[in-house]
C-alpha cells in the first residue's frame, strides 16, 4: 500500500514538473517606441524650456538611468507633466511632454523606430523604459 502511494506521488510530482517546464515564458516587456522626428521636436522643447533649469546629463546620467530603468513611459510622462516646468507645471501641451519623453529616450541611447510614442495612457503604461547601464569606466 505504501509503495503504491509513493508511486502515485512520484507520478503527480512528475506531471507538475512537466507542466511548469512547459509553461510559456512571460512575454517580453514592450519597449518604448518613438521616431527621430518626434525626438527632434522634443529636443526643441527641451532646449527652449527644460534647459532653463536642467542639463541634458540630468536626464541621461547613471543616476537617472538607475531611477527610471524598468519604469514605464507613462511614469516619466506623468512626472514631467505634473511637475515641470517648475514655474508652471502642466503648462505645455500633452504632445510636447510626450515628445520630450521621446527626446529623453534618444539621450539615453534607445533606438528610434517607425512608430511615434503615442499620447495614449494605456499604451504608455505598457511601454517599459529599458535604459541601458552606463559603462562605469
Protein backbone atom coordinates (compact mmCIF):
# COMPACT_ATOMS: atom_id res chain seq x y z
CA UNK A 1 0.00 0.00 0.00
CA UNK A 2 2.80 2.43 0.91
CA UNK A 3 4.64 1.63 -2.34
CA UNK A 4 1.52 2.34 -4.44
CA UNK A 5 1.06 5.70 -2.69
CA UNK A 6 4.70 6.55 -3.26
CA UNK A 7 4.46 5.71 -6.97
CA UNK A 8 1.32 7.83 -7.28
CA UNK A 9 3.04 10.78 -5.55
CA UNK A 10 6.04 10.48 -7.88
CA UNK A 11 3.79 10.43 -10.96
CA UNK A 12 1.88 13.51 -9.78
CA UNK A 13 5.10 15.35 -8.94
CA UNK A 14 6.47 14.50 -12.38
CA UNK A 15 3.37 15.83 -14.11
CA UNK A 16 3.54 19.05 -12.13
CA UNK A 17 7.22 19.48 -13.02
CA UNK A 18 6.46 18.93 -16.71
CA UNK A 19 3.58 21.43 -16.58
CA UNK A 20 5.84 24.11 -15.07
CA UNK A 21 8.61 23.35 -17.54
CA UNK A 22 6.19 23.77 -20.43
CA UNK A 23 4.57 26.95 -19.12
CA UNK A 24 5.19 29.80 -21.52
CA UNK A 25 7.73 32.37 -20.51
CA UNK A 26 6.46 35.80 -19.60
CA UNK A 27 6.15 37.96 -22.68
CA UNK A 28 8.99 40.40 -23.14
CA UNK A 29 8.35 43.92 -21.92
CA UNK A 30 7.15 46.36 -24.52
CA UNK A 31 9.98 48.71 -25.34
CA UNK A 32 9.40 52.41 -25.76
CA UNK A 33 8.74 53.42 -29.36
CA UNK A 34 9.46 56.85 -30.82
CA UNK A 35 10.63 58.34 -34.11
CA UNK A 36 13.62 60.54 -34.86
CA UNK A 37 11.24 63.33 -35.88
CA UNK A 38 9.41 63.10 -32.57
CA UNK A 39 12.69 63.17 -30.62
CA UNK A 40 13.76 66.23 -32.64
CA UNK A 41 10.54 68.02 -31.65
CA UNK A 42 11.17 67.01 -28.05
CA UNK A 43 14.72 68.30 -28.32
CA UNK A 44 13.40 71.69 -29.39
CA UNK A 45 11.06 71.83 -26.39
CA UNK A 46 13.85 70.66 -24.10
CA UNK A 47 16.23 73.33 -25.42
CA UNK A 48 13.61 76.08 -25.15
CA UNK A 49 12.07 75.18 -21.79
CA UNK A 50 13.93 72.49 -19.84
CA UNK A 51 17.48 73.84 -20.21
CA UNK A 52 16.47 76.82 -18.05
CA UNK A 53 16.75 74.51 -15.03
CA UNK A 54 18.27 71.23 -16.23
CA UNK A 55 21.32 69.98 -18.09
CA UNK A 56 20.93 67.22 -20.66
CA UNK A 57 23.05 64.93 -18.49
CA UNK A 58 20.40 65.23 -15.74
CA UNK A 59 18.22 63.05 -17.96
CA UNK A 60 20.84 60.60 -19.15
CA UNK A 61 23.37 60.02 -16.36
CA UNK A 62 23.74 56.87 -14.26
CA UNK A 63 21.51 58.25 -11.50
CA UNK A 64 18.67 58.99 -13.93
CA UNK A 65 19.00 55.60 -15.60
CA UNK A 66 19.05 53.79 -12.28
CA UNK A 67 15.96 55.63 -11.06
CA UNK A 68 13.91 55.20 -14.25
CA UNK A 69 15.09 51.84 -15.66
CA UNK A 70 12.18 49.40 -15.66
CA UNK A 71 9.52 52.03 -15.06
CA UNK A 72 7.00 52.96 -17.72
CA UNK A 73 6.91 55.73 -20.28
CA UNK A 74 3.72 56.87 -18.57
CA UNK A 75 5.56 57.23 -15.24
CA UNK A 76 8.10 59.58 -16.82
CA UNK A 77 5.47 61.45 -18.84
CA UNK A 78 3.29 61.96 -15.76
CA UNK A 79 6.22 63.11 -13.61
CA UNK A 80 7.21 65.66 -16.24
CA UNK A 81 3.64 66.80 -16.87
CA UNK A 82 2.77 67.22 -13.21
CA UNK A 83 6.00 68.90 -12.03
CA UNK A 84 7.55 70.76 -14.97
CA UNK A 85 8.29 73.40 -15.81
CA UNK A 86 8.75 74.20 -12.15
CA UNK A 87 7.35 77.70 -12.59
CA UNK A 88 4.14 76.42 -14.24
CA UNK A 89 3.67 72.62 -14.08
CA UNK A 90 1.43 71.18 -16.78
CA UNK A 91 1.59 74.31 -18.91
CA UNK A 92 2.94 72.57 -22.02
CA UNK A 93 0.70 70.73 -24.46
CA UNK A 94 0.41 66.99 -23.78
CA UNK A 95 2.13 66.27 -27.09
CA UNK A 96 5.08 68.41 -26.06
CA UNK A 97 5.56 66.33 -22.91
CA UNK A 98 5.29 63.13 -24.99
CA UNK A 99 7.88 64.49 -27.43
CA UNK A 100 10.23 65.37 -24.56
CA UNK A 101 9.94 61.79 -23.27
CA UNK A 102 10.94 60.63 -26.77
CA UNK A 103 13.90 63.01 -26.70
CA UNK A 104 14.98 61.68 -23.30
CA UNK A 105 14.85 58.13 -24.70
CA UNK A 106 17.15 59.26 -27.52
CA UNK A 107 19.52 60.89 -25.00
CA UNK A 108 19.71 57.50 -23.28
CA UNK A 109 20.64 55.61 -26.42
CA UNK A 110 17.34 53.89 -27.14
CA UNK A 111 16.91 53.42 -30.88
CA UNK A 112 14.21 55.26 -32.77
CA UNK A 113 11.72 53.31 -34.81
CA UNK A 114 8.87 53.85 -37.23
CA UNK A 115 6.12 54.47 -34.65
CA UNK A 116 5.80 57.59 -32.51
CA UNK A 117 5.42 57.43 -28.77
CA UNK A 118 1.65 57.79 -28.58
CA UNK A 119 -0.48 60.07 -26.45
CA UNK A 120 -2.36 57.07 -25.06
CA UNK A 121 -2.14 56.35 -21.33
CA UNK A 122 -2.91 52.64 -21.69
CA UNK A 123 -0.11 52.19 -24.23
CA UNK A 124 2.35 54.36 -22.28
CA UNK A 125 1.70 52.27 -19.16
CA UNK A 126 2.85 49.17 -21.07
CA UNK A 127 5.99 50.69 -22.58
CA UNK A 128 8.97 49.95 -20.36
CA UNK A 129 12.00 52.23 -20.08
CA UNK A 130 14.72 49.70 -20.91
CA UNK A 131 17.51 52.16 -20.20
CA UNK A 132 20.99 50.71 -20.67
CA UNK A 133 23.52 50.85 -17.88
CA UNK A 134 26.39 53.26 -18.25
CA UNK A 135 29.87 51.79 -18.52
CA UNK A 136 31.50 52.62 -15.15
CA UNK A 137 34.87 53.33 -16.79
